């Protein structure tokens, strides 16, 4: 009888720990989506600062970036704690590891959004370059990729996560075409700063799209276990 009671208590303790772990993971998922919403908003504001020449949008980004960084540190810390203290099963370790990589991608997109807002402010004094319409389309594509990656994450949809990789080729092609135009421009009059800033700008957008692709791939890995 005592043996059965001990077994029952052990089973209860194990179930309690598992329930506690699952609750923590659910909270992590909610926090990652909240962080993702902040990153998406930061990207939107950087787009607005750049193409609408909106100084107030650029000025709003640093506060958002601080919130994004706080989420990043908090989520990473909680993942490490769960992995070290809870001794999760292999599947749960895979999930937590993917979460840590995923929030790093989100944090980098947020950093690039802030960098783009700073480029936007530096471009304010110059007339819009003819390439800006193509760069705006590139930005739209990268933003759509981020939005799609967050949908994949919210729904844990591996198929949507994989689809983002196809969208990345559109941004890559835009980057290479625009780089060739900027690098081979011959009729430069006055300062070259706008060209240098735009070259940096398209590189940032290309990297943001890469990180959005990474998020989609990580969602697919969480669901399927395959890279």
C-alpha atoms as a PDB file:
ATOM      1  CA  UNK A   1       0.000   0.000   0.000  1.00  0.00           C
ATOM      2  CA  UNK A   2       2.824   2.364   0.928  1.00  0.00           C
ATOM      3  CA  UNK A   3       4.530   1.492  -2.335  1.00  0.00           C
ATOM      4  CA  UNK A   4       1.406   2.396  -4.317  1.00  0.00           C
ATOM      5  CA  UNK A   5       1.098   5.673  -2.417  1.00  0.00           C
ATOM      6  CA  UNK A   6       4.728   6.477  -3.197  1.00  0.00           C
ATOM      7  CA  UNK A   7       4.194   5.680  -6.868  1.00  0.00           C
ATOM      8  CA  UNK A   8       1.072   7.833  -6.939  1.00  0.00           C
ATOM      9  CA  UNK A   9       2.913  10.761  -5.335  1.00  0.00           C
ATOM     10  CA  UNK A  10       5.782  10.391  -7.808  1.00  0.00           C
ATOM     11  CA  UNK A  11       3.367  10.323 -10.740  1.00  0.00           C
ATOM     12  CA  UNK A  12       1.578  13.397  -9.392  1.00  0.00           C
ATOM     13  CA  UNK A  13       4.883  15.240  -9.015  1.00  0.00           C
ATOM     14  CA  UNK A  14       5.920  14.339 -12.549  1.00  0.00           C
ATOM     15  CA  UNK A  15       2.583  15.461 -13.994  1.00  0.00           C
ATOM     16  CA  UNK A  16       2.751  18.679 -11.987  1.00  0.00           C
ATOM     17  CA  UNK A  17       6.230  19.463 -13.354  1.00  0.00           C
ATOM     18  CA  UNK A  18       5.108  18.673 -16.900  1.00  0.00           C
ATOM     19  CA  UNK A  19       2.049  20.923 -16.549  1.00  0.00           C
ATOM     20  CA  UNK A  20       4.214  23.686 -15.106  1.00  0.00           C
ATOM     21  CA  UNK A  21       6.670  23.296 -18.007  1.00  0.00           C
ATOM     22  CA  UNK A  22       3.895  23.413 -20.610  1.00  0.00           C
ATOM     23  CA  UNK A  23       2.471  26.543 -18.998  1.00  0.00           C
ATOM     24  CA  UNK A  24       5.890  28.194 -19.166  1.00  0.00           C
ATOM     25  CA  UNK A  25       6.261  27.257 -22.847  1.00  0.00           C
ATOM     26  CA  UNK A  26       2.828  28.712 -23.649  1.00  0.00           C
ATOM     27  CA  UNK A  27       3.832  31.948 -21.969  1.00  0.00           C
ATOM     28  CA  UNK A  28       7.048  31.967 -23.992  1.00  0.00           C
ATOM     29  CA  UNK A  29       5.052  31.533 -27.198  1.00  0.00           C
ATOM     30  CA  UNK A  30       2.836  34.498 -26.282  1.00  0.00           C
ATOM     31  CA  UNK A  31       5.862  36.657 -25.462  1.00  0.00           C
ATOM     32  CA  UNK A  32       7.566  35.764 -28.748  1.00  0.00           C
ATOM     33  CA  UNK A  33       4.446  36.783 -30.673  1.00  0.00           C
ATOM     34  CA  UNK A  34       4.287  40.040 -28.708  1.00  0.00           C
ATOM     35  CA  UNK A  35       7.930  40.654 -29.554  1.00  0.00           C
ATOM     36  CA  UNK A  36       7.160  39.845 -33.185  1.00  0.00           C
ATOM     37  CA  UNK A  37       4.356  42.427 -33.227  1.00  0.00           C
ATOM     38  CA  UNK A  38       6.790  45.065 -31.933  1.00  0.00           C
ATOM     39  CA  UNK A  39       9.343  44.147 -34.607  1.00  0.00           C
ATOM     40  CA  UNK A  40       6.654  44.297 -37.300  1.00  0.00           C
ATOM     41  CA  UNK A  41       5.618  47.753 -36.086  1.00  0.00           C
ATOM     42  CA  UNK A  42       9.242  48.914 -36.027  1.00  0.00           C
ATOM     43  CA  UNK A  43       9.689  47.737 -39.629  1.00  0.00           C
ATOM     44  CA  UNK A  44       6.482  49.575 -40.626  1.00  0.00           C
ATOM     45  CA  UNK A  45       7.711  52.795 -39.013  1.00  0.00           C
ATOM     46  CA  UNK A  46      11.113  52.538 -40.723  1.00  0.00           C
ATOM     47  CA  UNK A  47       9.320  52.128 -44.059  1.00  0.00           C
ATOM     48  CA  UNK A  48       7.197  55.176 -43.277  1.00  0.00           C
ATOM     49  CA  UNK A  49      10.233  57.236 -42.242  1.00  0.00           C
ATOM     50  CA  UNK A  50      12.062  56.317 -45.417  1.00  0.00           C
ATOM     51  CA  UNK A  51       9.409  56.615 -48.094  1.00  0.00           C
ATOM     52  CA  UNK A  52       7.048  59.188 -46.541  1.00  0.00           C
ATOM     53  CA  UNK A  53       9.974  61.195 -45.101  1.00  0.00           C
ATOM     54  CA  UNK A  54       8.246  61.010 -41.726  1.00  0.00           C
ATOM     55  CA  UNK A  55      10.547  62.208 -38.944  1.00  0.00           C
ATOM     56  CA  UNK A  56       8.056  61.311 -36.187  1.00  0.00           C
ATOM     57  CA  UNK A  57       8.092  57.672 -37.375  1.00  0.00           C
ATOM     58  CA  UNK A  58      11.895  57.616 -37.171  1.00  0.00           C
ATOM     59  CA  UNK A  59      11.822  59.128 -33.684  1.00  0.00           C
ATOM     60  CA  UNK A  60       9.356  56.472 -32.433  1.00  0.00           C
ATOM     61  CA  UNK A  61      11.624  53.533 -33.273  1.00  0.00           C
ATOM     62  CA  UNK A  62      14.284  53.753 -30.496  1.00  0.00           C
ATOM     63  CA  UNK A  63      11.648  53.236 -27.782  1.00  0.00           C
ATOM     64  CA  UNK A  64      10.280  50.227 -29.645  1.00  0.00           C
ATOM     65  CA  UNK A  65      13.797  48.863 -30.032  1.00  0.00           C
ATOM     66  CA  UNK A  66      14.335  49.013 -26.268  1.00  0.00           C
ATOM     67  CA  UNK A  67      11.133  47.009 -25.729  1.00  0.00           C
ATOM     68  CA  UNK A  68      12.243  44.489 -28.358  1.00  0.00           C
ATOM     69  CA  UNK A  69      15.630  44.092 -26.663  1.00  0.00           C
ATOM     70  CA  UNK A  70      13.941  43.540 -23.281  1.00  0.00           C
ATOM     71  CA  UNK A  71      11.774  40.790 -24.718  1.00  0.00           C
ATOM     72  CA  UNK A  72      14.816  39.242 -26.367  1.00  0.00           C
ATOM     73  CA  UNK A  73      16.813  39.086 -23.137  1.00  0.00           C
ATOM     74  CA  UNK A  74      13.834  37.864 -21.112  1.00  0.00           C
ATOM     75  CA  UNK A  75      12.844  35.110 -23.551  1.00  0.00           C
ATOM     76  CA  UNK A  76      16.405  33.895 -24.014  1.00  0.00           C
ATOM     77  CA  UNK A  77      16.930  33.816 -20.240  1.00  0.00           C
ATOM     78  CA  UNK A  78      13.710  31.848 -19.660  1.00  0.00           C
ATOM     79  CA  UNK A  79      14.617  29.346 -22.389  1.00  0.00           C
ATOM     80  CA  UNK A  80      18.022  28.742 -20.811  1.00  0.00           C
ATOM     81  CA  UNK A  81      16.444  28.355 -17.372  1.00  0.00           C
ATOM     82  CA  UNK A  82      13.892  25.816 -18.623  1.00  0.00           C
ATOM     83  CA  UNK A  83      16.571  23.842 -20.450  1.00  0.00           C
ATOM     84  CA  UNK A  84      18.907  23.697 -17.464  1.00  0.00           C
ATOM     85  CA  UNK A  85      16.473  23.348 -14.553  1.00  0.00           C
ATOM     86  CA  UNK A  86      13.570  21.404 -16.032  1.00  0.00           C
ATOM     87  CA  UNK A  87      15.607  18.804 -17.979  1.00  0.00           C
ATOM     88  CA  UNK A  88      13.061  18.730 -20.820  1.00  0.00           C
ATOM     89  CA  UNK A  89      12.570  15.835 -23.215  1.00  0.00           C
ATOM     90  CA  UNK A  90      14.386  15.917 -26.567  1.00  0.00           C
ATOM     91  CA  UNK A  91      11.380  17.365 -28.408  1.00  0.00           C
ATOM     92  CA  UNK A  92      10.997  20.154 -25.845  1.00  0.00           C
ATOM     93  CA  UNK A  93      14.723  20.924 -25.979  1.00  0.00           C
ATOM     94  CA  UNK A  94      14.396  21.255 -29.744  1.00  0.00           C
ATOM     95  CA  UNK A  95      11.503  23.672 -29.265  1.00  0.00           C
ATOM     96  CA  UNK A  96      13.376  25.831 -26.752  1.00  0.00           C
ATOM     97  CA  UNK A  97      16.508  25.875 -28.891  1.00  0.00           C
ATOM     98  CA  UNK A  98      14.457  26.988 -31.896  1.00  0.00           C
ATOM     99  CA  UNK A  99      12.802  29.690 -29.788  1.00  0.00           C
ATOM    100  CA  UNK A 100      16.217  31.078 -28.815  1.00  0.00           C
ATOM    101  CA  UNK A 101      17.357  31.238 -32.434  1.00  0.00           C
ATOM    102  CA  UNK A 102      14.042  32.646 -33.578  1.00  0.00           C
ATOM    103  CA  UNK A 103      14.036  35.590 -31.162  1.00  0.00           C
ATOM    104  CA  UNK A 104      17.607  36.356 -32.219  1.00  0.00           C
ATOM    105  CA  UNK A 105      16.309  36.720 -35.789  1.00  0.00           C
ATOM    106  CA  UNK A 106      13.517  38.993 -34.599  1.00  0.00           C
ATOM    107  CA  UNK A 107      15.944  41.117 -32.597  1.00  0.00           C
ATOM    108  CA  UNK A 108      18.196  41.553 -35.633  1.00  0.00           C
ATOM    109  CA  UNK A 109      15.265  42.655 -37.803  1.00  0.00           C
ATOM    110  CA  UNK A 110      14.439  45.237 -35.138  1.00  0.00           C
ATOM    111  CA  UNK A 111      18.037  46.475 -35.203  1.00  0.00           C
ATOM    112  CA  UNK A 112      17.954  46.824 -38.979  1.00  0.00           C
ATOM    113  CA  UNK A 113      14.674  48.740 -38.758  1.00  0.00           C
ATOM    114  CA  UNK A 114      16.348  51.249 -36.465  1.00  0.00           C
ATOM    115  CA  UNK A 115      19.347  51.477 -38.808  1.00  0.00           C
ATOM    116  CA  UNK A 116      17.005  52.148 -41.750  1.00  0.00           C
ATOM    117  CA  UNK A 117      15.257  54.935 -39.838  1.00  0.00           C
ATOM    118  CA  UNK A 118      18.649  56.575 -39.267  1.00  0.00           C
ATOM    119  CA  UNK A 119      19.443  56.259 -42.984  1.00  0.00           C
ATOM    120  CA  UNK A 120      16.044  57.820 -43.756  1.00  0.00           C
ATOM    121  CA  UNK A 121      16.868  60.879 -41.668  1.00  0.00           C
ATOM    122  CA  UNK A 122      20.228  61.256 -43.421  1.00  0.00           C
ATOM    123  CA  UNK A 123      18.469  61.093 -46.803  1.00  0.00           C
ATOM    124  CA  UNK A 124      15.906  63.789 -45.917  1.00  0.00           C
ATOM    125  CA  UNK A 125      18.013  66.687 -47.324  1.00  0.00           C
ATOM    126  CA  UNK A 126      18.448  65.000 -50.724  1.00  0.00           C
ATOM    127  CA  UNK A 127      15.892  64.723 -53.540  1.00  0.00           C
ATOM    128  CA  UNK A 128      14.470  61.189 -53.968  1.00  0.00           C
ATOM    129  CA  UNK A 129      16.651  59.007 -56.170  1.00  0.00           C
ATOM    130  CA  UNK A 130      14.971  57.336 -59.210  1.00  0.00           C
ATOM    131  CA  UNK A 131      15.687  53.944 -57.602  1.00  0.00           C
ATOM    132  CA  UNK A 132      13.578  54.704 -54.533  1.00  0.00           C
ATOM    133  CA  UNK A 133      10.406  53.280 -56.128  1.00  0.00           C
ATOM    134  CA  UNK A 134      12.152  49.925 -56.632  1.00  0.00           C
ATOM    135  CA  UNK A 135      13.612  50.042 -53.127  1.00  0.00           C
ATOM    136  CA  UNK A 136      10.127  50.714 -51.759  1.00  0.00           C
ATOM    137  CA  UNK A 137       8.842  47.597 -53.525  1.00  0.00           C
ATOM    138  CA  UNK A 138      11.759  45.627 -52.056  1.00  0.00           C
ATOM    139  CA  UNK A 139      10.804  46.902 -48.601  1.00  0.00           C
ATOM    140  CA  UNK A 140       7.179  45.861 -49.172  1.00  0.00           C
ATOM    141  CA  UNK A 141       8.340  42.348 -50.075  1.00  0.00           C
ATOM    142  CA  UNK A 142      10.564  42.065 -47.001  1.00  0.00           C
ATOM    143  CA  UNK A 143       7.742  43.302 -44.746  1.00  0.00           C
ATOM    144  CA  UNK A 144       5.371  40.758 -46.298  1.00  0.00           C
ATOM    145  CA  UNK A 145       7.926  38.032 -45.541  1.00  0.00           C
ATOM    146  CA  UNK A 146       8.120  39.081 -41.893  1.00  0.00           C
ATOM    147  CA  UNK A 147       4.317  39.143 -41.614  1.00  0.00           C
ATOM    148  CA  UNK A 148       4.098  35.675 -43.197  1.00  0.00           C
ATOM    149  CA  UNK A 149       6.763  34.290 -40.864  1.00  0.00           C
ATOM    150  CA  UNK A 150       4.799  35.560 -37.848  1.00  0.00           C
ATOM    151  CA  UNK A 151       1.617  33.918 -39.168  1.00  0.00           C
ATOM    152  CA  UNK A 152       3.567  30.661 -39.542  1.00  0.00           C
ATOM    153  CA  UNK A 153       4.777  31.046 -35.964  1.00  0.00           C
ATOM    154  CA  UNK A 154       1.360  31.871 -34.527  1.00  0.00           C
ATOM    155  CA  UNK A 155      -0.226  28.873 -36.266  1.00  0.00           C
ATOM    156  CA  UNK A 156       2.869  26.631 -36.054  1.00  0.00           C
ATOM    157  CA  UNK A 157       2.350  26.044 -39.775  1.00  0.00           C
ATOM    158  CA  UNK A 158       5.364  24.328 -41.342  1.00  0.00           C
ATOM    159  CA  UNK A 159       4.025  24.728 -44.890  1.00  0.00           C
ATOM    160  CA  UNK A 160       3.715  28.507 -44.555  1.00  0.00           C
ATOM    161  CA  UNK A 161       7.151  28.586 -42.943  1.00  0.00           C
ATOM    162  CA  UNK A 162       8.688  26.837 -45.944  1.00  0.00           C
ATOM    163  CA  UNK A 163       6.857  29.101 -48.395  1.00  0.00           C
ATOM    164  CA  UNK A 164       8.806  32.138 -47.177  1.00  0.00           C
ATOM    165  CA  UNK A 165      11.969  30.729 -48.731  1.00  0.00           C
ATOM    166  CA  UNK A 166      10.415  31.180 -52.176  1.00  0.00           C
ATOM    167  CA  UNK A 167       9.626  34.838 -51.424  1.00  0.00           C
ATOM    168  CA  UNK A 168      13.241  35.430 -50.436  1.00  0.00           C
ATOM    169  CA  UNK A 169      14.424  34.960 -54.017  1.00  0.00           C
ATOM    170  CA  UNK A 170      12.349  37.998 -55.060  1.00  0.00           C
ATOM    171  CA  UNK A 171      14.143  40.182 -52.511  1.00  0.00           C
ATOM    172  CA  UNK A 172      17.534  38.714 -53.459  1.00  0.00           C
ATOM    173  CA  UNK A 173      16.911  39.519 -57.144  1.00  0.00           C
ATOM    174  CA  UNK A 174      15.855  43.073 -56.262  1.00  0.00           C
ATOM    175  CA  UNK A 175      18.993  43.518 -54.173  1.00  0.00           C
ATOM    176  CA  UNK A 176      21.331  42.374 -56.960  1.00  0.00           C
ATOM    177  CA  UNK A 177      19.576  44.505 -59.592  1.00  0.00           C
ATOM    178  CA  UNK A 178      19.597  47.621 -57.430  1.00  0.00           C
ATOM    179  CA  UNK A 179      23.196  47.095 -56.387  1.00  0.00           C
ATOM    180  CA  UNK A 180      24.252  46.906 -60.034  1.00  0.00           C
ATOM    181  CA  UNK A 181      22.403  50.145 -60.805  1.00  0.00           C
ATOM    182  CA  UNK A 182      23.934  51.995 -57.853  1.00  0.00           C
ATOM    183  CA  UNK A 183      27.438  50.597 -58.323  1.00  0.00           C
ATOM    184  CA  UNK A 184      27.537  51.444 -62.026  1.00  0.00           C
ATOM    185  CA  UNK A 185      25.973  54.878 -61.926  1.00  0.00           C
ATOM    186  CA  UNK A 186      28.125  57.162 -64.070  1.00  0.00           C
ATOM    187  CA  UNK A 187      26.406  60.568 -64.047  1.00  0.00           C
ATOM    188  CA  UNK A 188      27.134  61.400 -60.408  1.00  0.00           C
ATOM    189  CA  UNK A 189      26.836  65.104 -59.666  1.00  0.00           C
ATOM    190  CA  UNK A 190      27.713  66.530 -56.263  1.00  0.00           C
ATOM    191  CA  UNK A 191      28.038  64.363 -53.157  1.00  0.00           C
ATOM    192  CA  UNK A 192      27.942  60.562 -53.290  1.00  0.00           C
ATOM    193  CA  UNK A 193      26.485  60.133 -49.788  1.00  0.00           C
ATOM    194  CA  UNK A 194      22.936  59.288 -51.032  1.00  0.00           C
ATOM    195  CA  UNK A 195      24.293  56.438 -53.169  1.00  0.00           C
ATOM    196  CA  UNK A 196      26.311  55.055 -50.291  1.00  0.00           C
ATOM    197  CA  UNK A 197      23.299  55.266 -47.976  1.00  0.00           C
ATOM    198  CA  UNK A 198      21.053  53.529 -50.497  1.00  0.00           C
ATOM    199  CA  UNK A 199      23.612  50.758 -51.004  1.00  0.00           C
ATOM    200  CA  UNK A 200      23.574  50.223 -47.233  1.00  0.00           C
ATOM    201  CA  UNK A 201      19.788  50.446 -47.188  1.00  0.00           C
ATOM    202  CA  UNK A 202      19.221  47.668 -49.724  1.00  0.00           C
ATOM    203  CA  UNK A 203      21.728  45.491 -47.884  1.00  0.00           C
ATOM    204  CA  UNK A 204      19.745  45.959 -44.656  1.00  0.00           C
ATOM    205  CA  UNK A 205      16.492  45.055 -46.414  1.00  0.00           C
ATOM    206  CA  UNK A 206      18.109  41.953 -47.913  1.00  0.00           C
ATOM    207  CA  UNK A 207      19.327  40.866 -44.473  1.00  0.00           C
ATOM    208  CA  UNK A 208      15.893  41.487 -42.929  1.00  0.00           C
ATOM    209  CA  UNK A 209      14.383  39.187 -45.548  1.00  0.00           C
ATOM    210  CA  UNK A 210      17.030  36.561 -44.723  1.00  0.00           C
ATOM    211  CA  UNK A 211      16.101  36.701 -41.038  1.00  0.00           C
ATOM    212  CA  UNK A 212      12.388  36.413 -41.907  1.00  0.00           C
ATOM    213  CA  UNK A 213      13.290  33.319 -43.956  1.00  0.00           C
ATOM    214  CA  UNK A 214      15.178  31.932 -40.957  1.00  0.00           C
ATOM    215  CA  UNK A 215      12.082  32.370 -38.789  1.00  0.00           C
ATOM    216  CA  UNK A 216       9.997  30.417 -41.289  1.00  0.00           C
ATOM    217  CA  UNK A 217      12.624  27.653 -41.379  1.00  0.00           C
ATOM    218  CA  UNK A 218      12.723  27.495 -37.583  1.00  0.00           C
ATOM    219  CA  UNK A 219       8.934  27.172 -37.420  1.00  0.00           C
ATOM    220  CA  UNK A 220       9.161  24.286 -39.883  1.00  0.00           C
ATOM    221  CA  UNK A 221      11.849  22.679 -37.717  1.00  0.00           C
ATOM    222  CA  UNK A 222       9.723  23.067 -34.567  1.00  0.00           C
ATOM    223  CA  UNK A 223       6.813  21.285 -36.262  1.00  0.00           C
ATOM    224  CA  UNK A 224       8.593  18.598 -38.299  1.00  0.00           C
ATOM    225  CA  UNK A 225      11.990  18.186 -36.612  1.00  0.00           C
ATOM    226  CA  UNK A 226      13.676  18.550 -40.026  1.00  0.00           C
ATOM    227  CA  UNK A 227      15.825  21.469 -41.168  1.00  0.00           C
END
